[in-house]
Amino acid sequence: MATATTHTPPPPGRNDTARPKASAPSQAGDRIFSGLSRGSGIALLVIMAAIAVFLTYRAILAIADNEGNFLTTSEWNPAGDPPVFGIAVLAFGTIVSSIIAMAIAVPVAIGIALFISHYAPRKLAGPLAYVVDLLAAVPSIIYGLWGAIFLVPYLDGLNKWLDQYMGWTYIFDKSGEGVARNMFTVGILLAIMILPIITNVTREVFLQVPRMHEEAALALGATRWETIRMSVLPFGRSGIISASMLGLGRALGETMAVAVVLSPNFIISGRLLDPGGGTFAQNIAAKFNEANEYGRDALIASGLVLFFITLLVNGAARWIIGRRKEYSGANA
């Protein structure tokens, strides 16, 4: 009489197939790579801390002898007797120009990214993405020269049109004649400069959307736009925000392009079409060579403010990515 044999399944977590053990050179390479990565991260933190300490020390030396309020004074005269300087105009100009740039660049960048990733034919999408990559590599001084020679003269007509039809808003009210070397022109130029950066990152995020999500939406009868609205945009939301923050970081710290285009002064005005204004980076570039030692300390103090603003922007972007990690494409 034949007896039935039973097969006992292996306990959970056990694998009958023996796994090959990592060789000694491979383990040594992993340890070396891990040590180099950890050391690089620590070195980066040490360098940033050293920069912060240096900026803080020099800023304290300047602010201690300042006769004005560093945060609210609109005058910049560290060479005076007594020295008076403040960052009110610089902070206002930096924030206003960055807001204009973001308001123009972000919607356009999302549209271009969607066109390249979901609408354009493959033969067109590749060259178009390559052109956008090339635009991101153009030096800022080239953008500045192009803005001063081409953009400023051609925006004069737009400024007059905005003054005529939108002047009642006060923002677009032009109080006098003059070329378009104003914060509005700076905002447009910054938008053109950060557009490739936001487009590249957003496009890569859209390309990581799981194909099953889009196919499921199409199977339910959704149109292409409904598929993008229900599947692509929710998945790429954190990526769009982080790309925008990356572009904002460049807009906040842009120097040469703003210095070439803007006619600076230290007057806070809500009229975007009037020449004048200033930004942190532009003021540092324009006044550093002619400043004395105390004046350079004052410029370093303004640079410290820009340093912390940039850290806050990048920290906010990192927090948003971590908060919506499941939609960032890491698990796709």
C-alpha atoms as a PDB file:
ATOM      1  CA  MET A   1       0.000   0.000   0.000  1.00  0.00           C
ATOM      2  CA  ALA A   2       1.484   3.296  -1.138  1.00  0.00           C
ATOM      3  CA  THR A   3       1.896   5.891   1.487  1.00  0.00           C
ATOM      4  CA  ALA A   4       1.330   9.558   0.681  1.00  0.00           C
ATOM      5  CA  THR A   5       4.217  11.810   1.317  1.00  0.00           C
ATOM      6  CA  THR A   6       3.682  15.320   2.529  1.00  0.00           C
ATOM      7  CA  HIS A   7       5.824  18.280   1.633  1.00  0.00           C
ATOM      8  CA  THR A   8       6.345  20.792   4.373  1.00  0.00           C
ATOM      9  CA  PRO A   9       6.540  24.297   2.950  1.00  0.00           C
ATOM     10  CA  PRO A  10       9.529  26.382   4.012  1.00  0.00           C
ATOM     11  CA  PRO A  11       8.900  28.831   6.806  1.00  0.00           C
ATOM     12  CA  PRO A  12       7.994  32.377   5.786  1.00  0.00           C
ATOM     13  CA  GLY A  13      10.938  34.493   4.842  1.00  0.00           C
ATOM     14  CA  ARG A  14      13.097  31.459   3.953  1.00  0.00           C
ATOM     15  CA  ASN A  15      14.411  30.993   0.432  1.00  0.00           C
ATOM     16  CA  ASP A  16      15.553  27.551  -0.705  1.00  0.00           C
ATOM     17  CA  THR A  17      17.844  29.042  -3.290  1.00  0.00           C
ATOM     18  CA  ALA A  18      21.133  29.953  -1.750  1.00  0.00           C
ATOM     19  CA  ARG A  19      21.981  33.577  -2.315  1.00  0.00           C
ATOM     20  CA  PRO A  20      25.494  34.284  -3.445  1.00  0.00           C
ATOM     21  CA  LYS A  21      27.497  36.125  -0.856  1.00  0.00           C
ATOM     22  CA  ALA A  22      28.994  39.449  -1.794  1.00  0.00           C
ATOM     23  CA  SER A  23      32.672  39.230  -2.509  1.00  0.00           C
ATOM     24  CA  ALA A  24      35.201  41.011  -0.333  1.00  0.00           C
ATOM     25  CA  PRO A  25      36.146  43.610  -2.988  1.00  0.00           C
ATOM     26  CA  SER A  26      32.463  44.432  -3.460  1.00  0.00           C
ATOM     27  CA  GLN A  27      31.959  44.947   0.277  1.00  0.00           C
ATOM     28  CA  ALA A  28      35.080  47.106   0.446  1.00  0.00           C
ATOM     29  CA  GLY A  29      33.835  49.201  -2.470  1.00  0.00           C
ATOM     30  CA  ASP A  30      30.480  49.694  -0.750  1.00  0.00           C
ATOM     31  CA  ARG A  31      32.185  50.832   2.438  1.00  0.00           C
ATOM     32  CA  ILE A  32      34.429  53.235   0.537  1.00  0.00           C
ATOM     33  CA  PHE A  33      31.505  54.696  -1.392  1.00  0.00           C
ATOM     34  CA  SER A  34      29.442  55.013   1.784  1.00  0.00           C
ATOM     35  CA  GLY A  35      32.303  56.757   3.557  1.00  0.00           C
ATOM     36  CA  LEU A  36      32.890  59.155   0.668  1.00  0.00           C
ATOM     37  CA  SER A  37      29.204  59.990   0.464  1.00  0.00           C
ATOM     38  CA  ARG A  38      28.950  60.604   4.191  1.00  0.00           C
ATOM     39  CA  GLY A  39      32.133  62.675   4.162  1.00  0.00           C
ATOM     40  CA  SER A  40      30.882  64.767   1.251  1.00  0.00           C
ATOM     41  CA  GLY A  41      27.640  65.498   3.068  1.00  0.00           C
ATOM     42  CA  ILE A  42      29.462  66.472   6.247  1.00  0.00           C
ATOM     43  CA  ALA A  43      31.904  68.649   4.287  1.00  0.00           C
ATOM     44  CA  LEU A  44      29.007  70.434   2.600  1.00  0.00           C
ATOM     45  CA  LEU A  45      27.382  71.174   5.955  1.00  0.00           C
ATOM     46  CA  VAL A  46      30.700  72.423   7.346  1.00  0.00           C
ATOM     47  CA  ILE A  47      31.207  74.726   4.352  1.00  0.00           C
ATOM     48  CA  MET A  48      27.699  76.155   4.635  1.00  0.00           C
ATOM     49  CA  ALA A  49      28.153  76.685   8.361  1.00  0.00           C
ATOM     50  CA  ALA A  50      31.486  78.425   7.734  1.00  0.00           C
ATOM     51  CA  ILE A  51      29.859  80.707   5.160  1.00  0.00           C
ATOM     52  CA  ALA A  52      27.058  81.551   7.577  1.00  0.00           C
ATOM     53  CA  VAL A  53      29.533  82.308  10.375  1.00  0.00           C
ATOM     54  CA  PHE A  54      31.651  84.528   8.130  1.00  0.00           C
ATOM     55  CA  LEU A  55      28.653  86.458   6.809  1.00  0.00           C
ATOM     56  CA  THR A  56      27.210  86.863  10.294  1.00  0.00           C
ATOM     57  CA  TYR A  57      30.483  88.139  11.755  1.00  0.00           C
ATOM     58  CA  ARG A  58      31.014  90.726   9.015  1.00  0.00           C
ATOM     59  CA  ALA A  59      27.356  91.741   9.131  1.00  0.00           C
ATOM     60  CA  ILE A  60      27.505  92.365  12.878  1.00  0.00           C
ATOM     61  CA  LEU A  61      30.517  94.639  12.386  1.00  0.00           C
ATOM     62  CA  ALA A  62      28.580  96.729   9.862  1.00  0.00           C
ATOM     63  CA  ILE A  63      25.226  96.848  11.654  1.00  0.00           C
ATOM     64  CA  ALA A  64      26.843  97.863  14.942  1.00  0.00           C
ATOM     65  CA  ASP A  65      27.870 101.252  13.492  1.00  0.00           C
ATOM     66  CA  ASN A  66      24.797 101.759  11.305  1.00  0.00           C
ATOM     67  CA  GLU A  67      22.798 104.862  12.225  1.00  0.00           C
ATOM     68  CA  GLY A  68      19.731 103.682  10.306  1.00  0.00           C
ATOM     69  CA  ASN A  69      17.404 100.742  10.742  1.00  0.00           C
ATOM     70  CA  PHE A  70      18.901  97.881   8.762  1.00  0.00           C
ATOM     71  CA  LEU A  71      15.492  96.395   7.908  1.00  0.00           C
ATOM     72  CA  THR A  72      13.403  99.503   7.210  1.00  0.00           C
ATOM     73  CA  THR A  73      15.789 102.222   5.998  1.00  0.00           C
ATOM     74  CA  SER A  74      15.534 102.875   2.253  1.00  0.00           C
ATOM     75  CA  GLU A  75      18.839 104.775   2.006  1.00  0.00           C
ATOM     76  CA  TRP A  76      22.168 103.129   1.159  1.00  0.00           C
ATOM     77  CA  ASN A  77      25.105 105.292   2.218  1.00  0.00           C
ATOM     78  CA  PRO A  78      27.590 103.247   4.282  1.00  0.00           C
ATOM     79  CA  ALA A  79      30.365 105.691   3.302  1.00  0.00           C
ATOM     80  CA  GLY A  80      28.576 108.628   4.912  1.00  0.00           C
ATOM     81  CA  ASP A  81      29.348 110.247   8.224  1.00  0.00           C
ATOM     82  CA  PRO A  82      27.513 108.748  10.034  1.00  0.00           C
ATOM     83  CA  PRO A  83      26.899 105.658   7.880  1.00  0.00           C
ATOM     84  CA  VAL A  84      23.248 104.980   7.064  1.00  0.00           C
ATOM     85  CA  PHE A  85      22.029 101.979   5.101  1.00  0.00           C
ATOM     86  CA  GLY A  86      19.123  99.550   4.988  1.00  0.00           C
ATOM     87  CA  ILE A  87      17.697  96.749   2.880  1.00  0.00           C
ATOM     88  CA  ALA A  88      14.089  97.921   2.513  1.00  0.00           C
ATOM     89  CA  VAL A  89      14.432  98.816  -1.187  1.00  0.00           C
ATOM     90  CA  LEU A  90      16.534  95.739  -1.938  1.00  0.00           C
ATOM     91  CA  ALA A  91      14.108  93.361  -0.243  1.00  0.00           C
ATOM     92  CA  PHE A  92      11.147  94.985  -1.981  1.00  0.00           C
ATOM     93  CA  GLY A  93      12.782  94.822  -5.411  1.00  0.00           C
ATOM     94  CA  THR A  94      13.973  91.247  -4.966  1.00  0.00           C
ATOM     95  CA  ILE A  95      10.547  90.017  -3.906  1.00  0.00           C
ATOM     96  CA  VAL A  96       8.618  91.970  -6.561  1.00  0.00           C
ATOM     97  CA  SER A  97      10.853  90.912  -9.455  1.00  0.00           C
ATOM     98  CA  SER A  98      10.752  87.276  -8.305  1.00  0.00           C
ATOM     99  CA  ILE A  99       6.944  87.318  -8.030  1.00  0.00           C
ATOM    100  CA  ILE A 100       6.646  88.720 -11.571  1.00  0.00           C
ATOM    101  CA  ALA A 101       9.063  86.104 -12.867  1.00  0.00           C
ATOM    102  CA  MET A 102       7.230  83.242 -11.163  1.00  0.00           C
ATOM    103  CA  ALA A 103       3.798  84.444 -12.285  1.00  0.00           C
ATOM    104  CA  ILE A 104       4.970  84.413 -15.911  1.00  0.00           C
ATOM    105  CA  ALA A 105       7.319  81.432 -15.952  1.00  0.00           C
ATOM    106  CA  VAL A 106       5.466  78.747 -13.977  1.00  0.00           C
ATOM    107  CA  PRO A 107       2.277  78.478 -16.128  1.00  0.00           C
ATOM    108  CA  VAL A 108       4.296  78.650 -19.352  1.00  0.00           C
ATOM    109  CA  ALA A 109       6.778  76.050 -18.103  1.00  0.00           C
ATOM    110  CA  ILE A 110       3.983  73.635 -17.138  1.00  0.00           C
ATOM    111  CA  GLY A 111       2.401  74.054 -20.554  1.00  0.00           C
ATOM    112  CA  ILE A 112       5.690  73.412 -22.372  1.00  0.00           C
ATOM    113  CA  ALA A 113       6.428  70.385 -20.188  1.00  0.00           C
ATOM    114  CA  LEU A 114       2.984  68.911 -20.863  1.00  0.00           C
ATOM    115  CA  PHE A 115       3.356  69.518 -24.594  1.00  0.00           C
ATOM    116  CA  ILE A 116       6.752  67.801 -24.733  1.00  0.00           C
ATOM    117  CA  SER A 117       5.741  64.841 -22.561  1.00  0.00           C
ATOM    118  CA  HIS A 118       2.157  64.161 -23.702  1.00  0.00           C
ATOM    119  CA  TYR A 119       1.176  66.072 -26.822  1.00  0.00           C
ATOM    120  CA  ALA A 120       4.146  66.544 -29.147  1.00  0.00           C
ATOM    121  CA  PRO A 121       5.086  63.796 -31.635  1.00  0.00           C
ATOM    122  CA  ARG A 122       8.252  61.927 -30.720  1.00  0.00           C
ATOM    123  CA  LYS A 123      10.177  63.464 -33.629  1.00  0.00           C
ATOM    124  CA  LEU A 124       9.362  66.930 -32.307  1.00  0.00           C
ATOM    125  CA  ALA A 125       9.520  66.242 -28.569  1.00  0.00           C
ATOM    126  CA  GLY A 126      13.187  65.195 -28.609  1.00  0.00           C
ATOM    127  CA  PRO A 127      14.593  68.264 -30.407  1.00  0.00           C
ATOM    128  CA  LEU A 128      12.334  70.588 -28.407  1.00  0.00           C
ATOM    129  CA  ALA A 129      13.521  69.114 -25.113  1.00  0.00           C
ATOM    130  CA  TYR A 130      17.110  69.457 -26.328  1.00  0.00           C
ATOM    131  CA  VAL A 131      16.576  73.154 -27.117  1.00  0.00           C
ATOM    132  CA  VAL A 132      15.122  73.734 -23.647  1.00  0.00           C
ATOM    133  CA  ASP A 133      18.170  72.032 -22.124  1.00  0.00           C
ATOM    134  CA  LEU A 134      20.452  74.331 -24.107  1.00  0.00           C
ATOM    135  CA  LEU A 135      18.579  77.418 -22.915  1.00  0.00           C
ATOM    136  CA  ALA A 136      19.147  76.353 -19.319  1.00  0.00           C
ATOM    137  CA  ALA A 137      22.904  76.364 -19.966  1.00  0.00           C
ATOM    138  CA  VAL A 138      23.108  79.911 -21.376  1.00  0.00           C
ATOM    139  CA  PRO A 139      25.179  82.186 -19.051  1.00  0.00           C
ATOM    140  CA  SER A 140      23.268  84.900 -17.259  1.00  0.00           C
ATOM    141  CA  ILE A 141      25.396  87.690 -18.726  1.00  0.00           C
ATOM    142  CA  ILE A 142      24.222  86.668 -22.197  1.00  0.00           C
ATOM    143  CA  TYR A 143      20.624  87.004 -21.058  1.00  0.00           C
ATOM    144  CA  GLY A 144      21.494  90.389 -19.585  1.00  0.00           C
ATOM    145  CA  LEU A 145      23.062  91.698 -22.786  1.00  0.00           C
ATOM    146  CA  TRP A 146      20.127  90.407 -24.813  1.00  0.00           C
ATOM    147  CA  GLY A 147      17.729  92.064 -22.392  1.00  0.00           C
ATOM    148  CA  ALA A 148      19.534  95.422 -22.528  1.00  0.00           C
ATOM    149  CA  ILE A 149      19.936  95.501 -26.320  1.00  0.00           C
ATOM    150  CA  PHE A 150      16.733  93.818 -27.481  1.00  0.00           C
ATOM    151  CA  LEU A 151      14.193  93.464 -24.680  1.00  0.00           C
ATOM    152  CA  VAL A 152      14.354  96.968 -23.181  1.00  0.00           C
ATOM    153  CA  PRO A 153      13.649  98.871 -26.451  1.00  0.00           C
ATOM    154  CA  TYR A 154      10.864  96.535 -27.519  1.00  0.00           C
ATOM    155  CA  LEU A 155       9.117  96.654 -24.147  1.00  0.00           C
ATOM    156  CA  ASP A 156       8.692 100.420 -24.379  1.00  0.00           C
ATOM    157  CA  GLY A 157       5.548  99.957 -26.484  1.00  0.00           C
ATOM    158  CA  LEU A 158       4.147  97.428 -24.035  1.00  0.00           C
ATOM    159  CA  ASN A 159       4.794  99.812 -21.155  1.00  0.00           C
ATOM    160  CA  LYS A 160       2.880 102.580 -22.914  1.00  0.00           C
ATOM    161  CA  TRP A 161      -0.005 100.202 -23.660  1.00  0.00           C
ATOM    162  CA  LEU A 162      -0.175  99.064 -20.035  1.00  0.00           C
ATOM    163  CA  ASP A 163      -0.022 102.671 -18.870  1.00  0.00           C
ATOM    164  CA  GLN A 164      -2.861 103.636 -21.186  1.00  0.00           C
ATOM    165  CA  TYR A 165      -5.255 100.781 -20.487  1.00  0.00           C
ATOM    166  CA  MET A 166      -4.137  99.466 -17.081  1.00  0.00           C
ATOM    167  CA  GLY A 167      -2.848 102.620 -15.466  1.00  0.00           C
ATOM    168  CA  TRP A 168      -5.922 102.805 -13.245  1.00  0.00           C
ATOM    169  CA  THR A 169      -4.463  99.915 -11.233  1.00  0.00           C
ATOM    170  CA  TYR A 170      -1.588 102.166 -10.061  1.00  0.00           C
ATOM    171  CA  ILE A 171       0.777  99.214 -10.505  1.00  0.00           C
ATOM    172  CA  PHE A 172       0.957  99.895 -14.253  1.00  0.00           C
ATOM    173  CA  ASP A 173       0.709 103.666 -13.939  1.00  0.00           C
ATOM    174  CA  LYS A 174       3.795 105.251 -15.490  1.00  0.00           C
ATOM    175  CA  SER A 175       4.523 108.599 -13.879  1.00  0.00           C
ATOM    176  CA  GLY A 176       6.995 109.857 -16.491  1.00  0.00           C
ATOM    177  CA  GLU A 177       8.916 109.161 -19.671  1.00  0.00           C
ATOM    178  CA  GLY A 178      11.905 106.900 -19.840  1.00  0.00           C
ATOM    179  CA  VAL A 179      13.198 103.642 -21.203  1.00  0.00           C
ATOM    180  CA  ALA A 180      11.862 100.375 -19.838  1.00  0.00           C
ATOM    181  CA  ARG A 181      14.666  99.767 -17.335  1.00  0.00           C
ATOM    182  CA  ASN A 182      12.292  98.943 -14.505  1.00  0.00           C
ATOM    183  CA  MET A 183      11.235  96.098 -12.261  1.00  0.00           C
ATOM    184  CA  PHE A 184       8.652  94.905 -14.783  1.00  0.00           C
ATOM    185  CA  THR A 185      11.370  94.376 -17.404  1.00  0.00           C
ATOM    186  CA  VAL A 186      13.561  92.666 -14.816  1.00  0.00           C
ATOM    187  CA  GLY A 187      10.698  90.324 -13.925  1.00  0.00           C
ATOM    188  CA  ILE A 188      10.158  89.380 -17.587  1.00  0.00           C
ATOM    189  CA  LEU A 189      13.873  88.764 -18.099  1.00  0.00           C
ATOM    190  CA  LEU A 190      14.064  86.601 -14.968  1.00  0.00           C
ATOM    191  CA  ALA A 191      11.022  84.657 -16.166  1.00  0.00           C
ATOM    192  CA  ILE A 192      12.807  83.873 -19.436  1.00  0.00           C
ATOM    193  CA  MET A 193      15.901  82.791 -17.519  1.00  0.00           C
ATOM    194  CA  ILE A 194      14.159  80.436 -15.082  1.00  0.00           C
ATOM    195  CA  LEU A 195      11.736  79.038 -17.666  1.00  0.00           C
ATOM    196  CA  PRO A 196      14.117  76.277 -18.924  1.00  0.00           C
ATOM    197  CA  ILE A 197      14.922  75.137 -15.379  1.00  0.00           C
ATOM    198  CA  ILE A 198      11.293  74.775 -14.338  1.00  0.00           C
ATOM    199  CA  THR A 199      10.401  73.162 -17.673  1.00  0.00           C
ATOM    200  CA  ASN A 200      13.164  70.538 -17.471  1.00  0.00           C
ATOM    201  CA  VAL A 201      12.334  69.396 -13.951  1.00  0.00           C
ATOM    202  CA  THR A 202       8.577  69.438 -14.550  1.00  0.00           C
ATOM    203  CA  ARG A 203       8.949  67.447 -17.774  1.00  0.00           C
ATOM    204  CA  GLU A 204      10.961  64.756 -16.018  1.00  0.00           C
ATOM    205  CA  VAL A 205       8.307  64.495 -13.315  1.00  0.00           C
ATOM    206  CA  PHE A 206       5.512  64.167 -15.883  1.00  0.00           C
ATOM    207  CA  LEU A 207       7.432  61.407 -17.663  1.00  0.00           C
ATOM    208  CA  GLN A 208       7.522  59.408 -14.404  1.00  0.00           C
ATOM    209  CA  VAL A 209       3.742  59.148 -14.142  1.00  0.00           C
ATOM    210  CA  PRO A 210       2.853  55.419 -14.064  1.00  0.00           C
ATOM    211  CA  ARG A 211       1.470  54.349 -17.411  1.00  0.00           C
ATOM    212  CA  MET A 212      -1.265  52.343 -15.679  1.00  0.00           C
ATOM    213  CA  HIS A 213      -2.744  55.528 -14.200  1.00  0.00           C
ATOM    214  CA  GLU A 214      -3.143  57.101 -17.624  1.00  0.00           C
ATOM    215  CA  GLU A 215      -4.436  53.895 -19.219  1.00  0.00           C
ATOM    216  CA  ALA A 216      -6.997  53.477 -16.446  1.00  0.00           C
ATOM    217  CA  ALA A 217      -8.292  57.005 -17.004  1.00  0.00           C
ATOM    218  CA  LEU A 218      -8.490  56.474 -20.763  1.00  0.00           C
ATOM    219  CA  ALA A 219     -10.289  53.155 -20.219  1.00  0.00           C
ATOM    220  CA  LEU A 220     -12.941  54.986 -18.214  1.00  0.00           C
ATOM    221  CA  GLY A 221     -13.598  57.245 -21.187  1.00  0.00           C
ATOM    222  CA  ALA A 222     -11.601  60.295 -20.131  1.00  0.00           C
ATOM    223  CA  THR A 223     -10.278  62.645 -22.769  1.00  0.00           C
ATOM    224  CA  ARG A 224      -6.593  63.433 -23.009  1.00  0.00           C
ATOM    225  CA  TRP A 225      -6.983  66.638 -20.995  1.00  0.00           C
ATOM    226  CA  GLU A 226      -9.112  64.863 -18.368  1.00  0.00           C
ATOM    227  CA  THR A 227      -6.416  62.190 -18.116  1.00  0.00           C
ATOM    228  CA  ILE A 228      -3.778  64.855 -17.543  1.00  0.00           C
ATOM    229  CA  ARG A 229      -5.961  66.664 -15.026  1.00  0.00           C
ATOM    230  CA  MET A 230      -6.841  63.496 -13.047  1.00  0.00           C
ATOM    231  CA  SER A 231      -3.601  61.490 -13.364  1.00  0.00           C
ATOM    232  CA  VAL A 232      -0.618  63.545 -14.465  1.00  0.00           C
ATOM    233  CA  LEU A 233      -1.055  66.816 -12.576  1.00  0.00           C
ATOM    234  CA  PRO A 234      -1.876  65.234  -9.171  1.00  0.00           C
ATOM    235  CA  PHE A 235       1.125  62.914  -9.483  1.00  0.00           C
ATOM    236  CA  GLY A 236       3.458  65.736 -10.480  1.00  0.00           C
ATOM    237  CA  ARG A 237       2.185  68.360  -8.033  1.00  0.00           C
ATOM    238  CA  SER A 238       5.115  68.147  -5.640  1.00  0.00           C
ATOM    239  CA  GLY A 239       7.522  68.042  -8.564  1.00  0.00           C
ATOM    240  CA  ILE A 240       5.994  71.201 -10.011  1.00  0.00           C
ATOM    241  CA  ILE A 241       6.316  72.959  -6.673  1.00  0.00           C
ATOM    242  CA  SER A 242       9.919  71.878  -6.175  1.00  0.00           C
ATOM    243  CA  ALA A 243      10.790  72.919  -9.747  1.00  0.00           C
ATOM    244  CA  SER A 244       9.191  76.295  -9.114  1.00  0.00           C
ATOM    245  CA  MET A 245      11.186  76.680  -5.911  1.00  0.00           C
ATOM    246  CA  LEU A 246      14.358  75.851  -7.825  1.00  0.00           C
ATOM    247  CA  GLY A 247      13.548  78.538 -10.365  1.00  0.00           C
ATOM    248  CA  LEU A 248      12.693  80.965  -7.575  1.00  0.00           C
ATOM    249  CA  GLY A 249      16.094  80.351  -6.019  1.00  0.00           C
ATOM    250  CA  ARG A 250      17.793  81.439  -9.235  1.00  0.00           C
ATOM    251  CA  ALA A 251      15.517  84.453  -9.611  1.00  0.00           C
ATOM    252  CA  LEU A 252      16.325  85.602  -6.078  1.00  0.00           C
ATOM    253  CA  GLY A 253      20.075  85.385  -6.571  1.00  0.00           C
ATOM    254  CA  GLU A 254      20.413  86.543 -10.176  1.00  0.00           C
ATOM    255  CA  THR A 255      23.069  89.236 -10.457  1.00  0.00           C
ATOM    256  CA  MET A 256      24.534  90.238 -13.800  1.00  0.00           C
ATOM    257  CA  ALA A 257      21.366  90.116 -15.895  1.00  0.00           C
ATOM    258  CA  VAL A 258      19.566  92.392 -13.439  1.00  0.00           C
ATOM    259  CA  ALA A 259      22.557  94.728 -13.144  1.00  0.00           C
ATOM    260  CA  VAL A 260      22.723  95.177 -16.932  1.00  0.00           C
ATOM    261  CA  VAL A 261      19.005  95.819 -17.422  1.00  0.00           C
ATOM    262  CA  LEU A 262      17.931  97.805 -14.347  1.00  0.00           C
ATOM    263  CA  SER A 263      18.428 101.533 -13.684  1.00  0.00           C
ATOM    264  CA  PRO A 264      18.696 101.301  -9.879  1.00  0.00           C
ATOM    265  CA  ASN A 265      17.720 103.810  -7.246  1.00  0.00           C
ATOM    266  CA  PHE A 266      16.763 103.601  -3.588  1.00  0.00           C
ATOM    267  CA  ILE A 267      13.119 104.557  -3.834  1.00  0.00           C
ATOM    268  CA  ILE A 268      10.298 102.156  -2.997  1.00  0.00           C
ATOM    269  CA  SER A 269       7.555 102.581  -5.584  1.00  0.00           C
ATOM    270  CA  GLY A 270       4.541 100.449  -6.375  1.00  0.00           C
ATOM    271  CA  ARG A 271       4.675 101.625 -10.018  1.00  0.00           C
ATOM    272  CA  LEU A 272       6.364  98.755 -11.807  1.00  0.00           C
ATOM    273  CA  LEU A 273       6.841 100.742 -15.029  1.00  0.00           C
ATOM    274  CA  ASP A 274       8.890 103.536 -13.460  1.00  0.00           C
ATOM    275  CA  PRO A 275      12.676 103.140 -13.712  1.00  0.00           C
ATOM    276  CA  GLY A 276      14.369 102.347 -10.449  1.00  0.00           C
ATOM    277  CA  GLY A 277      14.431  99.855  -7.645  1.00  0.00           C
ATOM    278  CA  GLY A 278      17.077  97.315  -6.837  1.00  0.00           C
ATOM    279  CA  THR A 279      17.778  93.769  -5.691  1.00  0.00           C
ATOM    280  CA  PHE A 280      20.234  92.244  -3.246  1.00  0.00           C
ATOM    281  CA  ALA A 281      22.448  90.606  -5.852  1.00  0.00           C
ATOM    282  CA  GLN A 282      22.390  93.583  -8.228  1.00  0.00           C
ATOM    283  CA  ASN A 283      23.348  96.013  -5.460  1.00  0.00           C
ATOM    284  CA  ILE A 284      26.264  93.833  -4.351  1.00  0.00           C
ATOM    285  CA  ALA A 285      27.593  93.530  -7.893  1.00  0.00           C
ATOM    286  CA  ALA A 286      27.212  97.250  -8.606  1.00  0.00           C
ATOM    287  CA  LYS A 287      28.780  98.631  -5.411  1.00  0.00           C
ATOM    288  CA  PHE A 288      31.331  96.071  -4.270  1.00  0.00           C
ATOM    289  CA  ASN A 289      34.342  97.397  -6.227  1.00  0.00           C
ATOM    290  CA  GLU A 290      33.833 101.029  -5.247  1.00  0.00           C
ATOM    291  CA  ALA A 291      33.031 100.347  -1.581  1.00  0.00           C
ATOM    292  CA  ASN A 292      35.497 100.774   1.266  1.00  0.00           C
ATOM    293  CA  GLU A 293      36.020  98.106   3.907  1.00  0.00           C
ATOM    294  CA  TYR A 294      33.013  99.188   5.940  1.00  0.00           C
ATOM    295  CA  GLY A 295      30.885  99.449   2.810  1.00  0.00           C
ATOM    296  CA  ARG A 296      31.814  95.885   1.903  1.00  0.00           C
ATOM    297  CA  ASP A 297      30.741  94.758   5.350  1.00  0.00           C
ATOM    298  CA  ALA A 298      27.402  96.452   4.717  1.00  0.00           C
ATOM    299  CA  LEU A 299      27.079  94.613   1.398  1.00  0.00           C
ATOM    300  CA  ILE A 300      27.958  91.356   3.146  1.00  0.00           C
ATOM    301  CA  ALA A 301      25.182  92.076   5.643  1.00  0.00           C
ATOM    302  CA  SER A 302      22.695  92.356   2.772  1.00  0.00           C
ATOM    303  CA  GLY A 303      24.149  89.156   1.335  1.00  0.00           C
ATOM    304  CA  LEU A 304      23.462  87.431   4.653  1.00  0.00           C
ATOM    305  CA  VAL A 305      19.776  88.270   4.295  1.00  0.00           C
ATOM    306  CA  LEU A 306      19.756  86.830   0.771  1.00  0.00           C
ATOM    307  CA  PHE A 307      21.573  83.749   2.079  1.00  0.00           C
ATOM    308  CA  PHE A 308      18.852  83.042   4.631  1.00  0.00           C
ATOM    309  CA  ILE A 309      16.067  83.756   2.134  1.00  0.00           C
ATOM    310  CA  THR A 310      17.589  81.216  -0.256  1.00  0.00           C
ATOM    311  CA  LEU A 311      17.906  78.652   2.547  1.00  0.00           C
ATOM    312  CA  LEU A 312      14.254  79.166   3.451  1.00  0.00           C
ATOM    313  CA  VAL A 313      13.148  78.722  -0.158  1.00  0.00           C
ATOM    314  CA  ASN A 314      15.136  75.513  -0.620  1.00  0.00           C
ATOM    315  CA  GLY A 315      14.053  74.223   2.780  1.00  0.00           C
ATOM    316  CA  ALA A 316      10.414  74.819   1.890  1.00  0.00           C
ATOM    317  CA  ALA A 317      10.873  72.922  -1.363  1.00  0.00           C
ATOM    318  CA  ARG A 318      12.493  70.012   0.458  1.00  0.00           C
ATOM    319  CA  TRP A 319       9.685  69.952   3.021  1.00  0.00           C
ATOM    320  CA  ILE A 320       7.052  69.842   0.285  1.00  0.00           C
ATOM    321  CA  ILE A 321       8.824  66.951  -1.447  1.00  0.00           C
ATOM    322  CA  GLY A 322       9.072  64.990   1.806  1.00  0.00           C
ATOM    323  CA  ARG A 323       5.452  65.724   2.681  1.00  0.00           C
ATOM    324  CA  ARG A 324       4.191  64.273  -0.608  1.00  0.00           C
ATOM    325  CA  LYS A 325       6.836  61.600  -1.089  1.00  0.00           C
ATOM    326  CA  GLU A 326       4.340  59.058  -2.410  1.00  0.00           C
ATOM    327  CA  TYR A 327       3.546  61.371  -5.341  1.00  0.00           C
ATOM    328  CA  SER A 328       7.089  62.515  -6.105  1.00  0.00           C
ATOM    329  CA  GLY A 329       7.905  59.642  -8.461  1.00  0.00           C
ATOM    330  CA  ALA A 330      10.258  57.849  -6.091  1.00  0.00           C
ATOM    331  CA  ASN A 331       7.990  54.798  -5.899  1.00  0.00           C
ATOM    332  CA  ALA A 332       7.033  54.744  -9.574  1.00  0.00           C
END
